[in-house]
């Protein structure tokens, strides 16, 4: 069965469930308000250690950019946990829908 997606930006400034469905992650930008700000991304609907994709840090005035050459499929959704000293995280991706 064919799937389709529409790439969208998601600006996350607090702990948030970005998608409860399958999600294709193309990249993200971590923006810190001071040095050492961090955010964690999870292939899950909540912050559970087993589903941790990674914890990423940024310096103030120097965003950390992570882009993938092709989308990464997250089978259980996407949850973003915003740590201290963070301005936000820009997620680039889309929920994956099966056509009817």
N, C-alpha and C. Protein backbone atom coordinates (compact mmCIF):
# COMPACT_ATOMS: atom_id res chain seq x y z
N UNK A 1 0.84 -1.19 0.00
CA UNK A 1 0.00 0.00 0.00
C UNK A 1 0.88 1.24 0.00
N UNK A 2 0.55 2.20 -0.79
CA UNK A 2 1.31 3.43 -0.92
C UNK A 2 1.02 4.36 0.26
N UNK A 3 2.07 5.04 0.75
CA UNK A 3 1.89 6.04 1.80
C UNK A 3 2.31 7.40 1.25
N UNK A 4 1.89 8.47 1.90
CA UNK A 4 2.27 9.80 1.49
C UNK A 4 2.44 10.66 2.72
N UNK A 5 3.18 11.76 2.58
CA UNK A 5 3.35 12.68 3.69
C UNK A 5 3.51 14.09 3.16
N UNK A 6 3.25 15.05 4.02
CA UNK A 6 3.45 16.45 3.71
C UNK A 6 4.36 17.00 4.79
N UNK A 7 5.59 17.33 4.43
CA UNK A 7 6.58 17.82 5.37
C UNK A 7 6.10 19.11 6.02
N UNK A 8 6.20 19.16 7.34
CA UNK A 8 5.73 20.33 8.09
C UNK A 8 6.73 20.70 9.17
N UNK A 9 6.82 21.99 9.53
CA UNK A 9 7.65 22.39 10.66
C UNK A 9 6.81 22.39 11.95
N UNK A 10 7.43 22.00 13.04
CA UNK A 10 6.79 22.01 14.36
C UNK A 10 7.74 22.73 15.31
N UNK A 11 7.33 23.88 15.86
CA UNK A 11 8.14 24.63 16.81
C UNK A 11 7.71 24.20 18.21
N UNK A 12 8.63 23.60 18.97
CA UNK A 12 8.33 23.04 20.28
C UNK A 12 9.07 23.82 21.35
N UNK A 13 8.35 24.40 22.33
CA UNK A 13 8.97 25.19 23.38
C UNK A 13 8.78 24.60 24.77
N UNK A 14 8.02 23.51 24.86
CA UNK A 14 7.81 22.80 26.13
C UNK A 14 7.62 21.33 25.80
N UNK A 15 7.73 20.47 26.81
CA UNK A 15 7.55 19.04 26.56
C UNK A 15 6.26 18.83 25.78
N UNK A 16 6.36 18.07 24.67
CA UNK A 16 5.18 17.96 23.80
C UNK A 16 5.19 16.68 22.98
N UNK A 17 4.01 16.11 22.85
CA UNK A 17 3.79 15.01 21.93
C UNK A 17 3.55 15.63 20.56
N UNK A 18 4.51 15.47 19.66
CA UNK A 18 4.39 16.03 18.31
C UNK A 18 3.45 15.18 17.47
N UNK A 19 3.57 13.84 17.61
CA UNK A 19 2.71 12.94 16.85
C UNK A 19 2.49 11.65 17.63
N UNK A 20 1.25 11.23 17.73
CA UNK A 20 0.92 9.94 18.36
C UNK A 20 0.92 8.82 17.33
N UNK A 21 1.04 9.18 16.05
CA UNK A 21 1.04 8.22 14.96
C UNK A 21 2.47 8.05 14.44
N UNK A 22 2.63 7.11 13.51
CA UNK A 22 3.93 6.97 12.85
C UNK A 22 4.36 8.33 12.32
N UNK A 23 5.65 8.59 12.36
CA UNK A 23 6.15 9.92 12.00
C UNK A 23 7.44 9.77 11.21
N UNK A 24 7.59 10.57 10.17
CA UNK A 24 8.83 10.57 9.40
C UNK A 24 9.61 11.83 9.75
N UNK A 25 10.75 11.64 10.41
CA UNK A 25 11.59 12.74 10.88
C UNK A 25 12.69 13.01 9.86
N UNK A 26 12.73 14.24 9.34
CA UNK A 26 13.74 14.63 8.35
C UNK A 26 14.87 15.42 8.98
N UNK A 27 14.62 16.03 10.13
CA UNK A 27 15.66 16.79 10.80
C UNK A 27 15.09 17.65 11.90
N UNK A 28 16.00 18.35 12.60
CA UNK A 28 15.56 19.24 13.68
C UNK A 28 16.67 20.24 13.98
N UNK A 29 16.28 21.35 14.63
CA UNK A 29 17.20 22.40 15.02
C UNK A 29 16.98 22.66 16.51
N UNK A 30 18.05 22.56 17.30
CA UNK A 30 18.00 22.81 18.74
C UNK A 30 18.47 24.24 18.97
N UNK A 31 17.65 25.07 19.65
CA UNK A 31 17.99 26.46 19.91
C UNK A 31 18.01 26.68 21.42
N UNK A 32 19.20 27.01 21.95
CA UNK A 32 19.36 27.19 23.40
C UNK A 32 19.35 28.67 23.77
N UNK A 33 18.84 28.98 24.96
CA UNK A 33 18.86 30.36 25.45
C UNK A 33 20.17 30.67 26.16
N UNK A 34 20.88 29.64 26.61
CA UNK A 34 22.22 29.79 27.18
C UNK A 34 22.99 28.50 26.94
N UNK A 35 24.29 28.53 27.10
CA UNK A 35 25.13 27.37 26.82
C UNK A 35 24.66 26.13 27.58
N UNK A 36 24.68 25.01 26.89
CA UNK A 36 24.34 23.74 27.52
C UNK A 36 22.88 23.37 27.48
N UNK A 37 22.06 24.16 26.80
CA UNK A 37 20.65 23.80 26.66
C UNK A 37 20.52 22.49 25.93
N UNK A 38 19.54 21.66 26.32
CA UNK A 38 19.40 20.36 25.67
C UNK A 38 17.94 19.98 25.48
N UNK A 39 17.74 19.07 24.54
CA UNK A 39 16.41 18.52 24.29
C UNK A 39 16.59 17.05 23.95
N UNK A 40 15.60 16.24 24.33
CA UNK A 40 15.62 14.80 24.04
C UNK A 40 14.45 14.46 23.15
N UNK A 41 14.70 13.59 22.17
CA UNK A 41 13.66 13.13 21.26
C UNK A 41 13.41 11.66 21.50
N UNK A 42 12.13 11.25 21.47
CA UNK A 42 11.72 9.89 21.76
C UNK A 42 10.84 9.32 20.66
N UNK A 43 11.06 8.08 20.32
CA UNK A 43 10.19 7.33 19.41
C UNK A 43 9.11 6.71 20.29
N UNK A 44 8.22 7.56 20.80
CA UNK A 44 7.26 7.13 21.81
C UNK A 44 6.26 8.26 22.02
N UNK A 45 5.23 7.97 22.75
CA UNK A 45 4.22 9.00 23.07
C UNK A 45 4.50 9.71 24.39
N UNK A 46 5.61 9.33 25.06
CA UNK A 46 6.00 9.97 26.32
C UNK A 46 7.52 9.83 26.47
N UNK A 47 8.06 10.40 27.54
CA UNK A 47 9.50 10.35 27.78
C UNK A 47 9.88 9.06 28.50
N UNK A 48 10.03 7.98 27.75
CA UNK A 48 10.45 6.70 28.30
C UNK A 48 11.84 6.38 27.81
N UNK A 49 12.73 6.04 28.73
CA UNK A 49 14.13 5.82 28.40
C UNK A 49 14.35 4.82 27.28
N UNK A 50 13.58 3.74 27.22
CA UNK A 50 13.79 2.71 26.20
C UNK A 50 13.59 3.24 24.80
N UNK A 51 12.82 4.28 24.64
CA UNK A 51 12.49 4.79 23.32
C UNK A 51 13.29 6.06 22.96
N UNK A 52 14.34 6.36 23.72
CA UNK A 52 15.13 7.56 23.49
C UNK A 52 15.87 7.49 22.16
N UNK A 53 15.65 8.48 21.32
CA UNK A 53 16.40 8.59 20.07
C UNK A 53 17.76 9.21 20.38
N UNK A 54 17.75 10.26 21.20
CA UNK A 54 18.98 10.92 21.60
C UNK A 54 18.71 12.21 22.34
N UNK A 55 19.72 12.67 23.07
CA UNK A 55 19.68 13.96 23.74
C UNK A 55 20.69 14.85 23.04
N UNK A 56 20.26 16.03 22.65
CA UNK A 56 21.08 16.92 21.84
C UNK A 56 21.25 18.25 22.55
N UNK A 57 22.46 18.82 22.48
CA UNK A 57 22.77 20.08 23.16
C UNK A 57 23.11 21.16 22.15
N UNK A 58 22.96 22.40 22.59
CA UNK A 58 23.33 23.55 21.77
C UNK A 58 23.94 24.62 22.66
N UNK A 59 24.73 25.48 22.06
CA UNK A 59 25.28 26.65 22.73
C UNK A 59 24.38 27.85 22.43
N UNK A 60 24.43 28.84 23.30
CA UNK A 60 23.65 30.06 23.07
C UNK A 60 24.12 30.71 21.77
N UNK A 61 23.19 31.21 20.99
CA UNK A 61 23.47 31.90 19.72
C UNK A 61 24.18 31.01 18.70
N UNK A 62 24.08 29.69 18.86
CA UNK A 62 24.70 28.76 17.92
C UNK A 62 23.83 27.50 17.84
N UNK A 63 22.73 27.55 17.11
CA UNK A 63 21.82 26.41 17.04
C UNK A 63 22.51 25.14 16.53
N UNK A 64 22.08 24.01 17.04
CA UNK A 64 22.55 22.71 16.56
C UNK A 64 21.55 22.22 15.52
N UNK A 65 22.04 21.97 14.31
CA UNK A 65 21.19 21.52 13.20
C UNK A 65 21.52 20.07 12.89
N UNK A 66 20.49 19.22 12.86
CA UNK A 66 20.64 17.81 12.50
C UNK A 66 19.67 17.54 11.36
N UNK A 67 20.21 17.15 10.20
CA UNK A 67 19.37 16.82 9.04
C UNK A 67 19.76 15.43 8.54
N UNK A 68 18.79 14.68 8.07
CA UNK A 68 19.02 13.34 7.56
C UNK A 68 18.88 13.35 6.03
N UNK A 69 19.67 12.53 5.31
CA UNK A 69 19.57 12.51 3.86
C UNK A 69 18.23 11.97 3.37
N UNK A 70 17.55 11.21 4.20
CA UNK A 70 16.19 10.75 3.92
C UNK A 70 15.47 10.63 5.25
N UNK A 71 14.16 10.62 5.21
CA UNK A 71 13.38 10.58 6.43
C UNK A 71 13.62 9.32 7.25
N UNK A 72 13.57 9.48 8.58
CA UNK A 72 13.71 8.37 9.50
C UNK A 72 12.31 8.06 10.04
N UNK A 73 11.84 6.83 9.82
CA UNK A 73 10.50 6.47 10.28
C UNK A 73 10.50 6.13 11.76
N UNK A 74 9.66 6.83 12.51
CA UNK A 74 9.47 6.56 13.93
C UNK A 74 8.15 5.82 14.06
N UNK A 75 8.21 4.56 14.44
CA UNK A 75 7.03 3.70 14.41
C UNK A 75 6.02 3.99 15.51
N UNK A 76 6.45 4.66 16.59
CA UNK A 76 5.54 4.87 17.73
C UNK A 76 5.24 6.34 17.99
N UNK A 77 5.53 7.21 17.04
CA UNK A 77 5.25 8.62 17.23
C UNK A 77 6.50 9.40 17.61
N UNK A 78 6.33 10.67 17.98
CA UNK A 78 7.45 11.52 18.36
C UNK A 78 7.07 12.37 19.56
N UNK A 79 7.88 12.26 20.62
CA UNK A 79 7.74 13.08 21.82
C UNK A 79 9.03 13.86 21.99
N UNK A 80 8.92 15.17 22.28
CA UNK A 80 10.08 16.02 22.51
C UNK A 80 10.07 16.49 23.95
N UNK A 81 11.19 16.26 24.65
CA UNK A 81 11.38 16.67 26.05
C UNK A 81 12.34 17.84 26.06
N UNK A 82 11.85 19.02 26.40
CA UNK A 82 12.66 20.24 26.42
C UNK A 82 13.35 20.34 27.77
N UNK A 83 14.68 20.45 27.74
CA UNK A 83 15.45 20.60 28.97
C UNK A 83 15.56 22.05 29.38
N UNK A 84 16.42 22.30 30.35
CA UNK A 84 16.61 23.67 30.83
C UNK A 84 17.44 24.47 29.82
N UNK A 85 17.37 25.77 29.92
CA UNK A 85 18.14 26.69 29.08
C UNK A 85 17.81 26.57 27.59
N UNK A 86 16.58 26.22 27.29
CA UNK A 86 16.17 26.03 25.89
C UNK A 86 15.22 27.12 25.43
N UNK A 87 15.41 27.57 24.19
CA UNK A 87 14.43 28.44 23.54
C UNK A 87 13.39 27.57 22.86
N UNK A 88 13.85 26.51 22.16
CA UNK A 88 12.91 25.60 21.51
C UNK A 88 13.61 24.67 20.54
N UNK A 89 12.81 23.81 19.94
CA UNK A 89 13.29 22.85 18.96
C UNK A 89 12.37 22.95 17.74
N UNK A 90 12.97 23.10 16.57
CA UNK A 90 12.22 23.10 15.33
C UNK A 90 12.31 21.70 14.74
N UNK A 91 11.19 21.01 14.67
CA UNK A 91 11.11 19.66 14.12
C UNK A 91 10.68 19.76 12.66
N UNK A 92 11.36 19.04 11.78
CA UNK A 92 10.97 18.98 10.37
C UNK A 92 10.59 17.54 10.05
N UNK A 93 9.33 17.32 9.77
CA UNK A 93 8.86 15.97 9.50
C UNK A 93 7.38 15.97 9.25
N UNK A 94 6.79 14.78 9.30
CA UNK A 94 5.35 14.66 9.03
C UNK A 94 4.82 13.33 9.53
N UNK A 95 3.57 13.34 10.02
CA UNK A 95 2.93 12.07 10.32
C UNK A 95 2.78 11.26 9.02
N UNK A 96 2.82 9.95 9.13
CA UNK A 96 2.68 9.09 7.96
C UNK A 96 1.24 8.59 7.93
N UNK A 97 0.56 8.86 6.83
CA UNK A 97 -0.84 8.46 6.68
C UNK A 97 -0.95 7.37 5.61
N UNK A 98 -1.82 6.45 5.84
CA UNK A 98 -2.16 5.44 4.84
C UNK A 98 -3.39 5.96 4.09
N UNK A 99 -3.37 6.02 2.77
CA UNK A 99 -4.54 6.50 2.04
C UNK A 99 -5.71 5.52 2.19
N UNK A 100 -6.90 6.06 2.18
CA UNK A 100 -8.09 5.24 2.33
C UNK A 100 -8.40 4.47 1.08
